[in-house]
Amino acid sequence: MRRAARLLEFLKQAFGAEETFRMGRKDGTIGHASARIADSMLEMADPAKEWKAMFAGLHHYVPNVDEAYRRAVQTGARSLYERETWITVTVKEASTIFGQSLVHRDT
């Protein structure tokens, strides 16, 4: 599985993430990587024999939910729900091409 590199590229294109670190393994997978989106750091890696794949969720707060949602879908996310209001917070959720869930809320 080489999904960490794909996830990094998705985060860069959809949310303007800045890749801050990448450590590759001999087999071409990523042993550890980090990226910054605004003031938040994300860390990820490809699974390995000693580090199994696990589910991850990401809650990303953005100033303009419509723009963030549009960019995510244009970059390859699959929309699961249309816009809805929940406890006076605008919520949109999109599933990335990797199966993780991305929830967008207006701040």
Protein backbone atom coordinates (compact mmCIF):
# COMPACT_ATOMS: atom_id res chain seq x y z
CA MET A 1 0.00 0.00 0.00
CA ARG A 2 1.44 3.31 -1.03
CA ARG A 3 -1.29 5.67 0.04
CA ALA A 4 0.67 8.16 2.16
CA ALA A 5 2.23 9.82 -0.91
CA ARG A 6 -1.20 10.03 -2.58
CA LEU A 7 -2.70 11.49 0.58
CA LEU A 8 0.06 14.11 0.78
CA GLU A 9 -0.60 15.17 -2.81
CA PHE A 10 -4.35 15.31 -2.17
CA LEU A 11 -3.84 17.50 0.92
CA LYS A 12 -1.56 19.84 -1.04
CA GLN A 13 -3.98 20.23 -3.94
CA ALA A 14 -7.24 20.34 -1.98
CA PHE A 15 -6.22 22.30 1.10
CA GLY A 16 -2.91 23.98 0.28
CA ALA A 17 -0.96 21.77 2.68
CA GLU A 18 2.80 22.24 2.95
CA GLU A 19 4.80 19.01 3.18
CA THR A 20 7.25 19.53 6.05
CA PHE A 21 8.93 16.11 6.30
CA ARG A 22 9.17 12.83 4.39
CA MET A 23 11.19 9.75 5.32
CA GLY A 24 11.11 7.01 2.73
CA ARG A 25 11.76 3.31 3.19
CA LYS A 26 13.93 1.13 0.98
CA ASP A 27 10.83 -0.39 -0.65
CA GLY A 28 9.60 3.05 -1.78
CA THR A 29 6.86 3.44 0.84
CA ILE A 30 6.76 6.32 3.32
CA GLY A 31 7.97 5.54 6.84
CA HIS A 32 6.91 8.92 8.19
CA ALA A 33 5.68 12.19 6.71
CA SER A 34 4.19 15.39 8.01
CA ALA A 35 2.27 18.25 6.48
CA ARG A 36 0.97 21.60 7.71
CA ILE A 37 -2.45 23.01 6.89
CA ALA A 38 -2.76 26.53 8.35
CA ASP A 39 -1.74 26.08 11.99
CA SER A 40 -2.34 22.30 12.12
CA MET A 41 0.18 19.49 11.63
CA LEU A 42 -0.77 16.11 10.16
CA GLU A 43 1.44 13.03 10.35
CA MET A 44 1.11 9.87 8.30
CA ALA A 45 2.93 6.78 7.07
CA ASP A 46 2.35 3.76 4.89
CA PRO A 47 1.67 0.53 6.79
CA ALA A 48 4.54 -1.89 7.31
CA LYS A 49 4.95 -5.35 8.81
CA GLU A 50 5.31 -3.93 12.32
CA TRP A 51 2.89 -1.01 11.78
CA LYS A 52 -0.49 -2.14 10.45
CA ALA A 53 -2.89 0.14 8.58
CA MET A 54 -5.51 1.83 10.74
CA PHE A 55 -8.55 4.00 10.19
CA ALA A 56 -8.04 7.74 10.52
CA GLY A 57 -10.49 10.61 10.63
CA LEU A 58 -9.68 14.24 9.93
CA HIS A 59 -11.69 17.24 11.09
CA HIS A 60 -10.52 20.31 9.23
CA TYR A 61 -11.93 23.70 10.22
CA VAL A 62 -11.96 26.22 7.38
CA PRO A 63 -13.13 29.83 6.98
CA ASN A 64 -15.06 29.06 3.76
CA VAL A 65 -16.69 25.63 3.77
CA ASP A 66 -18.09 25.94 0.25
CA GLU A 67 -14.67 26.67 -1.27
CA ALA A 68 -12.93 23.91 0.73
CA TYR A 69 -15.64 21.40 -0.19
CA ARG A 70 -15.46 22.34 -3.89
CA ARG A 71 -11.65 22.00 -3.96
CA ALA A 72 -11.75 18.65 -2.17
CA VAL A 73 -14.29 17.21 -4.61
CA GLN A 74 -12.42 18.63 -7.63
CA THR A 75 -9.22 17.01 -6.31
CA GLY A 76 -10.82 13.57 -6.09
CA ALA A 77 -12.91 13.39 -2.92
CA ARG A 78 -16.29 11.72 -3.21
CA SER A 79 -19.17 13.66 -1.70
CA LEU A 80 -21.18 11.65 0.82
CA TYR A 81 -23.59 14.36 2.00
CA GLU A 82 -24.89 17.64 0.74
CA ARG A 83 -24.65 20.77 2.84
CA GLU A 84 -26.61 20.69 6.09
CA THR A 85 -26.89 22.80 9.22
CA TRP A 86 -26.19 21.13 12.55
CA ILE A 87 -26.26 23.06 15.82
CA THR A 88 -25.80 26.33 13.89
CA VAL A 89 -22.55 25.02 12.37
CA THR A 90 -22.40 24.43 8.63
CA VAL A 91 -21.19 20.89 8.00
CA LYS A 92 -20.06 19.20 4.82
CA GLU A 93 -18.48 15.79 4.67
CA ALA A 94 -16.53 14.28 1.82
CA SER A 95 -14.79 10.94 1.60
CA THR A 96 -11.36 11.08 0.06
CA ILE A 97 -10.17 8.64 -2.56
CA PHE A 98 -8.38 6.85 0.29
CA GLY A 99 -11.44 5.99 2.36
CA GLN A 100 -10.81 8.43 5.20
CA SER A 101 -13.54 10.83 6.13
CA LEU A 102 -13.07 14.59 5.84
CA VAL A 103 -15.51 16.84 7.68
CA HIS A 104 -15.55 20.55 6.86
CA ARG A 105 -17.09 23.17 9.14
CA ASP A 106 -17.35 26.93 8.84
CA THR A 107 -15.45 28.57 11.69
